[in-house]
Amino acid sequence: MYIKVERPTQEELEKLNIDNWETWICGESKFNWEYTEEEICYFLEGKVIIEVNKGQITLEKGDLVVFPKDLKCVWNVLEPVRKLYKFN
């Protein structure tokens, strides 16, 4: 499964209408997670390492991320996270 990561411009974020997305906040922690739906999110703050079967990816402020449906992973929150998100 592929996690898509981009660094969008302000214009691209406005087109996505992120001002109407939900907010999620999480302190430093480590936990298992499974996506039952595709999620798109934008990191406002924080730093996370996402561990998947074939390696890991680091996400941080400014990243626009698409997590595919059925992805199983481990979230390792290194710095407190605040993100905007929606499910597709």
PDB file of N, CA and C in Angstrom:
ATOM      1  N   MET A   1       0.841  -1.175   0.000  1.00  0.00           N
ATOM      2  CA  MET A   1       0.000   0.000   0.000  1.00  0.00           C
ATOM      3  C   MET A   1       0.885   1.238   0.000  1.00  0.00           C
ATOM      4  N   TYR A   2       0.437   2.238  -0.680  1.00  0.00           N
ATOM      5  CA  TYR A   2       1.222   3.435  -0.901  1.00  0.00           C
ATOM      6  C   TYR A   2       0.643   4.622  -0.136  1.00  0.00           C
ATOM      7  N   ILE A   3       1.471   5.307   0.644  1.00  0.00           N
ATOM      8  CA  ILE A   3       1.089   6.540   1.325  1.00  0.00           C
ATOM      9  C   ILE A   3       1.592   7.688   0.464  1.00  0.00           C
ATOM     10  N   LYS A   4       0.677   8.527   0.015  1.00  0.00           N
ATOM     11  CA  LYS A   4       1.031   9.647  -0.859  1.00  0.00           C
ATOM     12  C   LYS A   4       1.293  10.890  -0.006  1.00  0.00           C
ATOM     13  N   VAL A   5       2.435  11.553  -0.244  1.00  0.00           N
ATOM     14  CA  VAL A   5       2.806  12.748   0.512  1.00  0.00           C
ATOM     15  C   VAL A   5       3.170  13.859  -0.469  1.00  0.00           C
ATOM     16  N   GLU A   6       2.596  15.039  -0.242  1.00  0.00           N
ATOM     17  CA  GLU A   6       2.884  16.214  -1.068  1.00  0.00           C
ATOM     18  C   GLU A   6       3.135  17.410  -0.166  1.00  0.00           C
ATOM     19  N   ARG A   7       3.710  18.465  -0.742  1.00  0.00           N
ATOM     20  CA  ARG A   7       3.895  19.754  -0.071  1.00  0.00           C
ATOM     21  C   ARG A   7       3.089  20.779  -0.875  1.00  0.00           C
ATOM     22  N   PRO A   8       1.806  20.945  -0.536  1.00  0.00           N
ATOM     23  CA  PRO A   8       0.933  21.791  -1.349  1.00  0.00           C
ATOM     24  C   PRO A   8       1.173  23.286  -1.129  1.00  0.00           C
ATOM     25  N   THR A   9       0.788  24.072  -2.120  1.00  0.00           N
ATOM     26  CA  THR A   9       0.801  25.530  -1.999  1.00  0.00           C
ATOM     27  C   THR A   9      -0.459  25.964  -1.252  1.00  0.00           C
ATOM     28  N   GLN A  10      -0.478  27.212  -0.816  1.00  0.00           N
ATOM     29  CA  GLN A  10      -1.667  27.738  -0.150  1.00  0.00           C
ATOM     30  C   GLN A  10      -2.875  27.689  -1.086  1.00  0.00           C
ATOM     31  N   GLU A  11      -2.650  27.964  -2.347  1.00  0.00           N
ATOM     32  CA  GLU A  11      -3.728  27.914  -3.336  1.00  0.00           C
ATOM     33  C   GLU A  11      -4.307  26.500  -3.449  1.00  0.00           C
ATOM     34  N   GLU A  12      -3.440  25.504  -3.468  1.00  0.00           N
ATOM     35  CA  GLU A  12      -3.901  24.109  -3.548  1.00  0.00           C
ATOM     36  C   GLU A  12      -4.708  23.736  -2.302  1.00  0.00           C
ATOM     37  N   LEU A  13      -4.275  24.217  -1.131  1.00  0.00           N
ATOM     38  CA  LEU A  13      -5.008  23.934   0.101  1.00  0.00           C
ATOM     39  C   LEU A  13      -6.390  24.575   0.075  1.00  0.00           C
ATOM     40  N   GLU A  14      -6.471  25.784  -0.446  1.00  0.00           N
ATOM     41  CA  GLU A  14      -7.765  26.462  -0.548  1.00  0.00           C
ATOM     42  C   GLU A  14      -8.706  25.700  -1.475  1.00  0.00           C
ATOM     43  N   LYS A  15      -8.184  25.162  -2.572  1.00  0.00           N
ATOM     44  CA  LYS A  15      -9.005  24.377  -3.501  1.00  0.00           C
ATOM     45  C   LYS A  15      -9.554  23.115  -2.833  1.00  0.00           C
ATOM     46  N   LEU A  16      -8.796  22.575  -1.880  1.00  0.00           N
ATOM     47  CA  LEU A  16      -9.238  21.388  -1.147  1.00  0.00           C
ATOM     48  C   LEU A  16     -10.247  21.725  -0.052  1.00  0.00           C
ATOM     49  N   ASN A  17     -10.419  23.030   0.216  1.00  0.00           N
ATOM     50  CA  ASN A  17     -11.379  23.492   1.218  1.00  0.00           C
ATOM     51  C   ASN A  17     -11.038  22.974   2.615  1.00  0.00           C
ATOM     52  N   ILE A  18      -9.754  22.981   2.973  1.00  0.00           N
ATOM     53  CA  ILE A  18      -9.335  22.392   4.252  1.00  0.00           C
ATOM     54  C   ILE A  18      -9.871  23.128   5.472  1.00  0.00           C
ATOM     55  N   ASP A  19     -10.338  24.361   5.300  1.00  0.00           N
ATOM     56  CA  ASP A  19     -10.908  25.093   6.430  1.00  0.00           C
ATOM     57  C   ASP A  19     -12.160  24.406   6.985  1.00  0.00           C
ATOM     58  N   ASN A  20     -12.746  23.521   6.205  1.00  0.00           N
ATOM     59  CA  ASN A  20     -13.944  22.790   6.643  1.00  0.00           C
ATOM     60  C   ASN A  20     -13.643  21.370   7.104  1.00  0.00           C
ATOM     61  N   TRP A  21     -12.376  20.987   7.174  1.00  0.00           N
ATOM     62  CA  TRP A  21     -12.011  19.649   7.630  1.00  0.00           C
ATOM     63  C   TRP A  21     -12.002  19.608   9.160  1.00  0.00           C
ATOM     64  N   GLU A  22     -12.073  18.408   9.698  1.00  0.00           N
ATOM     65  CA  GLU A  22     -11.993  18.192  11.144  1.00  0.00           C
ATOM     66  C   GLU A  22     -10.550  18.356  11.627  1.00  0.00           C
ATOM     67  N   THR A  23     -10.381  18.655  12.912  1.00  0.00           N
ATOM     68  CA  THR A  23      -9.051  18.778  13.526  1.00  0.00           C
ATOM     69  C   THR A  23      -8.800  17.575  14.418  1.00  0.00           C
ATOM     70  N   TRP A  24      -7.575  17.055  14.375  1.00  0.00           N
ATOM     71  CA  TRP A  24      -7.158  15.958  15.237  1.00  0.00           C
ATOM     72  C   TRP A  24      -5.872  16.376  15.925  1.00  0.00           C
ATOM     73  N   ILE A  25      -5.815  16.156  17.230  1.00  0.00           N
ATOM     74  CA  ILE A  25      -4.644  16.508  18.035  1.00  0.00           C
ATOM     75  C   ILE A  25      -4.198  15.262  18.787  1.00  0.00           C
ATOM     76  N   CYS A  26      -2.865  15.055  18.848  1.00  0.00           N
ATOM     77  CA  CYS A  26      -2.321  13.894  19.551  1.00  0.00           C
ATOM     78  C   CYS A  26      -0.968  14.252  20.149  1.00  0.00           C
ATOM     79  N   GLY A  27      -0.771  13.896  21.401  1.00  0.00           N
ATOM     80  CA  GLY A  27       0.520  14.098  22.043  1.00  0.00           C
ATOM     81  C   GLY A  27       1.497  12.993  21.683  1.00  0.00           C
ATOM     82  N   GLU A  28       2.701  13.098  22.205  1.00  0.00           N
ATOM     83  CA  GLU A  28       3.722  12.086  21.957  1.00  0.00           C
ATOM     84  C   GLU A  28       3.206  10.724  22.396  1.00  0.00           C
ATOM     85  N   SER A  29       3.273   9.754  21.494  1.00  0.00           N
ATOM     86  CA  SER A  29       2.746   8.417  21.774  1.00  0.00           C
ATOM     87  C   SER A  29       3.134   7.472  20.648  1.00  0.00           C
ATOM     88  N   LYS A  30       2.810   6.203  20.842  1.00  0.00           N
ATOM     89  CA  LYS A  30       3.028   5.186  19.808  1.00  0.00           C
ATOM     90  C   LYS A  30       1.842   4.237  19.859  1.00  0.00           C
ATOM     91  N   PHE A  31       1.221   3.977  18.678  1.00  0.00           N
ATOM     92  CA  PHE A  31       0.038   3.128  18.647  1.00  0.00           C
ATOM     93  C   PHE A  31      -0.160   2.513  17.266  1.00  0.00           C
ATOM     94  N   ASN A  32      -0.860   1.381  17.243  1.00  0.00           N
ATOM     95  CA  ASN A  32      -1.238   0.715  15.996  1.00  0.00           C
ATOM     96  C   ASN A  32      -2.485   1.393  15.438  1.00  0.00           C
ATOM     97  N   TRP A  33      -2.582   1.424  14.098  1.00  0.00           N
ATOM     98  CA  TRP A  33      -3.756   2.014  13.466  1.00  0.00           C
ATOM     99  C   TRP A  33      -4.075   1.293  12.167  1.00  0.00           C
ATOM    100  N   GLU A  34      -5.373   1.184  11.865  1.00  0.00           N
ATOM    101  CA  GLU A  34      -5.826   0.618  10.597  1.00  0.00           C
ATOM    102  C   GLU A  34      -6.853   1.562   9.992  1.00  0.00           C
ATOM    103  N   TYR A  35      -6.683   1.884   8.719  1.00  0.00           N
ATOM    104  CA  TYR A  35      -7.587   2.784   8.013  1.00  0.00           C
ATOM    105  C   TYR A  35      -8.698   1.983   7.362  1.00  0.00           C
ATOM    106  N   THR A  36      -9.929   2.213   7.804  1.00  0.00           N
ATOM    107  CA  THR A  36     -11.088   1.530   7.219  1.00  0.00           C
ATOM    108  C   THR A  36     -11.654   2.315   6.047  1.00  0.00           C
ATOM    109  N   GLU A  37     -11.179   3.557   5.892  1.00  0.00           N
ATOM    110  CA  GLU A  37     -11.528   4.415   4.762  1.00  0.00           C
ATOM    111  C   GLU A  37     -10.270   5.162   4.338  1.00  0.00           C
ATOM    112  N   GLU A  38     -10.256   5.672   3.113  1.00  0.00           N
ATOM    113  CA  GLU A  38      -9.153   6.526   2.700  1.00  0.00           C
ATOM    114  C   GLU A  38      -9.233   7.834   3.493  1.00  0.00           C
ATOM    115  N   GLU A  39      -8.097   8.297   3.995  1.00  0.00           N
ATOM    116  CA  GLU A  39      -8.036   9.565   4.721  1.00  0.00           C
ATOM    117  C   GLU A  39      -7.057  10.495   4.029  1.00  0.00           C
ATOM    118  N   ILE A  40      -7.441  11.765   3.909  1.00  0.00           N
ATOM    119  CA  ILE A  40      -6.523  12.795   3.456  1.00  0.00           C
ATOM    120  C   ILE A  40      -6.366  13.769   4.621  1.00  0.00           C
ATOM    121  N   CYS A  41      -5.122  14.168   4.901  1.00  0.00           N
ATOM    122  CA  CYS A  41      -4.893  15.066   6.020  1.00  0.00           C
ATOM    123  C   CYS A  41      -3.749  16.030   5.721  1.00  0.00           C
ATOM    124  N   TYR A  42      -3.756  17.129   6.466  1.00  0.00           N
ATOM    125  CA  TYR A  42      -2.730  18.157   6.323  1.00  0.00           C
ATOM    126  C   TYR A  42      -2.156  18.443   7.703  1.00  0.00           C
ATOM    127  N   PHE A  43      -0.850  18.274   7.845  1.00  0.00           N
ATOM    128  CA  PHE A  43      -0.182  18.462   9.127  1.00  0.00           C
ATOM    129  C   PHE A  43       0.109  19.943   9.380  1.00  0.00           C
ATOM    130  N   LEU A  44      -0.502  20.479  10.435  1.00  0.00           N
ATOM    131  CA  LEU A  44      -0.280  21.860  10.848  1.00  0.00           C
ATOM    132  C   LEU A  44       0.904  21.967  11.805  1.00  0.00           C
ATOM    133  N   GLU A  45       1.104  20.913  12.604  1.00  0.00           N
ATOM    134  CA  GLU A  45       2.187  20.867  13.590  1.00  0.00           C
ATOM    135  C   GLU A  45       2.593  19.418  13.813  1.00  0.00           C
ATOM    136  N   GLY A  46       3.811  19.244  14.315  1.00  0.00           N
ATOM    137  CA  GLY A  46       4.236  17.939  14.786  1.00  0.00           C
ATOM    138  C   GLY A  46       5.143  17.173  13.849  1.00  0.00           C
ATOM    139  N   LYS A  47       5.523  15.999  14.336  1.00  0.00           N
ATOM    140  CA  LYS A  47       6.390  15.093  13.584  1.00  0.00           C
ATOM    141  C   LYS A  47       6.041  13.663  13.964  1.00  0.00           C
ATOM    142  N   VAL A  48       5.858  12.822  12.941  1.00  0.00           N
ATOM    143  CA  VAL A  48       5.416  11.438  13.124  1.00  0.00           C
ATOM    144  C   VAL A  48       6.225  10.526  12.226  1.00  0.00           C
ATOM    145  N   ILE A  49       6.552   9.355  12.731  1.00  0.00           N
ATOM    146  CA  ILE A  49       7.082   8.293  11.877  1.00  0.00           C
ATOM    147  C   ILE A  49       5.980   7.248  11.751  1.00  0.00           C
ATOM    148  N   ILE A  50       5.604   6.952  10.514  1.00  0.00           N
ATOM    149  CA  ILE A  50       4.601   5.926  10.231  1.00  0.00           C
ATOM    150  C   ILE A  50       5.355   4.671   9.793  1.00  0.00           C
ATOM    151  N   GLU A  51       5.157   3.592  10.538  1.00  0.00           N
ATOM    152  CA  GLU A  51       5.815   2.327  10.228  1.00  0.00           C
ATOM    153  C   GLU A  51       4.831   1.413   9.501  1.00  0.00           C
ATOM    154  N   VAL A  52       5.258   0.910   8.355  1.00  0.00           N
ATOM    155  CA  VAL A  52       4.475  -0.052   7.580  1.00  0.00           C
ATOM    156  C   VAL A  52       5.364  -1.261   7.308  1.00  0.00           C
ATOM    157  N   ASN A  53       4.773  -2.320   6.763  1.00  0.00           N
ATOM    158  CA  ASN A  53       5.506  -3.572   6.517  1.00  0.00           C
ATOM    159  C   ASN A  53       6.849  -3.353   5.842  1.00  0.00           C
ATOM    160  N   LYS A  54       6.867  -2.482   4.856  1.00  0.00           N
ATOM    161  CA  LYS A  54       8.057  -2.363   4.011  1.00  0.00           C
ATOM    162  C   LYS A  54       8.923  -1.163   4.371  1.00  0.00           C
ATOM    163  N   GLY A  55       8.796  -0.634   5.576  1.00  0.00           N
ATOM    164  CA  GLY A  55       9.637   0.483   5.960  1.00  0.00           C
ATOM    165  C   GLY A  55       8.895   1.515   6.776  1.00  0.00           C
ATOM    166  N   GLN A  56       9.354   2.754   6.660  1.00  0.00           N
ATOM    167  CA  GLN A  56       8.745   3.834   7.422  1.00  0.00           C
ATOM    168  C   GLN A  56       8.812   5.135   6.638  1.00  0.00           C
ATOM    169  N   ILE A  57       7.971   6.083   7.044  1.00  0.00           N
ATOM    170  CA  ILE A  57       7.925   7.390   6.407  1.00  0.00           C
ATOM    171  C   ILE A  57       7.779   8.428   7.512  1.00  0.00           C
ATOM    172  N   THR A  58       8.470   9.550   7.372  1.00  0.00           N
ATOM    173  CA  THR A  58       8.377  10.637   8.339  1.00  0.00           C
ATOM    174  C   THR A  58       7.462  11.723   7.783  1.00  0.00           C
ATOM    175  N   LEU A  59       6.529  12.167   8.618  1.00  0.00           N
ATOM    176  CA  LEU A  59       5.584  13.209   8.248  1.00  0.00           C
ATOM    177  C   LEU A  59       5.717  14.364   9.229  1.00  0.00           C
ATOM    178  N   GLU A  60       5.564  15.594   8.706  1.00  0.00           N
ATOM    179  CA  GLU A  60       5.692  16.760   9.574  1.00  0.00           C
ATOM    180  C   GLU A  60       4.920  17.941   9.015  1.00  0.00           C
ATOM    181  N   LYS A  61       4.992  19.061   9.726  1.00  0.00           N
ATOM    182  CA  LYS A  61       4.276  20.275   9.359  1.00  0.00           C
ATOM    183  C   LYS A  61       4.436  20.576   7.871  1.00  0.00           C
ATOM    184  N   GLY A  62       3.297  20.858   7.211  1.00  0.00           N
ATOM    185  CA  GLY A  62       3.313  21.200   5.800  1.00  0.00           C
ATOM    186  C   GLY A  62       3.049  20.038   4.862  1.00  0.00           C
ATOM    187  N   ASP A  63       2.989  18.814   5.406  1.00  0.00           N
ATOM    188  CA  ASP A  63       2.747  17.635   4.565  1.00  0.00           C
ATOM    189  C   ASP A  63       1.249  17.407   4.370  1.00  0.00           C
ATOM    190  N   LEU A  64       0.852  17.174   3.120  1.00  0.00           N
ATOM    191  CA  LEU A  64      -0.492  16.732   2.771  1.00  0.00           C
ATOM    192  C   LEU A  64      -0.369  15.242   2.470  1.00  0.00           C
ATOM    193  N   VAL A  65      -1.132  14.432   3.180  1.00  0.00           N
ATOM    194  CA  VAL A  65      -0.941  12.986   3.139  1.00  0.00           C
ATOM    195  C   VAL A  65      -2.249  12.279   2.800  1.00  0.00           C
ATOM    196  N   VAL A  66      -2.148  11.247   1.959  1.00  0.00           N
ATOM    197  CA  VAL A  66      -3.292  10.378   1.678  1.00  0.00           C
ATOM    198  C   VAL A  66      -2.938   8.980   2.172  1.00  0.00           C
ATOM    199  N   PHE A  67      -3.722   8.518   3.157  1.00  0.00           N
ATOM    200  CA  PHE A  67      -3.575   7.160   3.675  1.00  0.00           C
ATOM    201  C   PHE A  67      -4.625   6.283   2.995  1.00  0.00           C
ATOM    202  N   PRO A  68      -4.213   5.199   2.331  1.00  0.00           N
ATOM    203  CA  PRO A  68      -5.180   4.358   1.616  1.00  0.00           C
ATOM    204  C   PRO A  68      -6.038   3.515   2.557  1.00  0.00           C
ATOM    205  N   LYS A  69      -7.223   3.195   2.080  1.00  0.00           N
ATOM    206  CA  LYS A  69      -8.112   2.289   2.803  1.00  0.00           C
ATOM    207  C   LYS A  69      -7.403   0.953   3.029  1.00  0.00           C
ATOM    208  N   ASP A  70      -7.625   0.372   4.193  1.00  0.00           N
ATOM    209  CA  ASP A  70      -7.089  -0.939   4.599  1.00  0.00           C
ATOM    210  C   ASP A  70      -5.605  -0.911   4.982  1.00  0.00           C
ATOM    211  N   LEU A  71      -4.999   0.265   5.041  1.00  0.00           N
ATOM    212  CA  LEU A  71      -3.601   0.357   5.475  1.00  0.00           C
ATOM    213  C   LEU A  71      -3.508   0.041   6.967  1.00  0.00           C
ATOM    214  N   LYS A  72      -2.582  -0.840   7.333  1.00  0.00           N
ATOM    215  CA  LYS A  72      -2.269  -1.126   8.731  1.00  0.00           C
ATOM    216  C   LYS A  72      -0.890  -0.569   8.998  1.00  0.00           C
ATOM    217  N   CYS A  73      -0.751   0.196  10.082  1.00  0.00           N
ATOM    218  CA  CYS A  73       0.523   0.851  10.348  1.00  0.00           C
ATOM    219  C   CYS A  73       0.679   1.112  11.841  1.00  0.00           C
ATOM    220  N   VAL A  74       1.855   1.621  12.202  1.00  0.00           N
ATOM    221  CA  VAL A  74       2.129   2.053  13.569  1.00  0.00           C
ATOM    222  C   VAL A  74       2.479   3.527  13.510  1.00  0.00           C
ATOM    223  N   TRP A  75       1.796   4.319  14.310  1.00  0.00           N
ATOM    224  CA  TRP A  75       2.087   5.743  14.440  1.00  0.00           C
ATOM    225  C   TRP A  75       3.048   5.926  15.607  1.00  0.00           C
ATOM    226  N   ASN A  76       4.169   6.578  15.353  1.00  0.00           N
ATOM    227  CA  ASN A  76       5.118   6.938  16.395  1.00  0.00           C
ATOM    228  C   ASN A  76       5.185   8.468  16.400  1.00  0.00           C
ATOM    229  N   VAL A  77       4.423   9.094  17.300  1.00  0.00           N
ATOM    230  CA  VAL A  77       4.316  10.552  17.363  1.00  0.00           C
ATOM    231  C   VAL A  77       5.497  11.085  18.174  1.00  0.00           C
ATOM    232  N   LEU A  78       6.454  11.701  17.470  1.00  0.00           N
ATOM    233  CA  LEU A  78       7.670  12.208  18.104  1.00  0.00           C
ATOM    234  C   LEU A  78       7.489  13.612  18.683  1.00  0.00           C
ATOM    235  N   GLU A  79       6.662  14.425  18.010  1.00  0.00           N
ATOM    236  CA  GLU A  79       6.329  15.776  18.464  1.00  0.00           C
ATOM    237  C   GLU A  79       4.821  15.924  18.344  1.00  0.00           C
ATOM    238  N   PRO A  80       4.162  16.550  19.319  1.00  0.00           N
ATOM    239  CA  PRO A  80       2.706  16.652  19.297  1.00  0.00           C
ATOM    240  C   PRO A  80       2.168  17.107  17.941  1.00  0.00           C
ATOM    241  N   VAL A  81       1.097  16.429  17.511  1.00  0.00           N
ATOM    242  CA  VAL A  81       0.526  16.625  16.190  1.00  0.00           C
ATOM    243  C   VAL A  81      -0.801  17.385  16.273  1.00  0.00           C
ATOM    244  N   ARG A  82      -0.970  18.278  15.313  1.00  0.00           N
ATOM    245  CA  ARG A  82      -2.268  18.895  15.059  1.00  0.00           C
ATOM    246  C   ARG A  82      -2.430  18.834  13.546  1.00  0.00           C
ATOM    247  N   LYS A  83      -3.497  18.160  13.114  1.00  0.00           N
ATOM    248  CA  LYS A  83      -3.727  18.011  11.671  1.00  0.00           C
ATOM    249  C   LYS A  83      -5.189  18.239  11.352  1.00  0.00           C
ATOM    250  N   LEU A  84      -5.443  18.598  10.110  1.00  0.00           N
ATOM    251  CA  LEU A  84      -6.793  18.685   9.571  1.00  0.00           C
ATOM    252  C   LEU A  84      -6.991  17.448   8.717  1.00  0.00           C
ATOM    253  N   TYR A  85      -8.188  16.878   8.744  1.00  0.00           N
ATOM    254  CA  TYR A  85      -8.406  15.639   7.997  1.00  0.00           C
ATOM    255  C   TYR A  85      -9.837  15.503   7.517  1.00  0.00           C
ATOM    256  N   LYS A  86      -9.996  14.615   6.521  1.00  0.00           N
ATOM    257  CA  LYS A  86     -11.318  14.182   6.080  1.00  0.00           C
ATOM    258  C   LYS A  86     -11.179  12.786   5.504  1.00  0.00           C
ATOM    259  N   PHE A  87     -12.310  12.075   5.505  1.00  0.00           N
ATOM    260  CA  PHE A  87     -12.348  10.737   4.920  1.00  0.00           C
ATOM    261  C   PHE A  87     -13.037  10.817   3.567  1.00  0.00           C
ATOM    262  N   ASN A  88     -12.530  10.060   2.602  1.00  0.00           N
ATOM    263  CA  ASN A  88     -13.145   9.994   1.275  1.00  0.00           C
ATOM    264  C   ASN A  88     -14.012   8.767   1.158  1.00  0.00           C
TER     265      ASN A  88
END
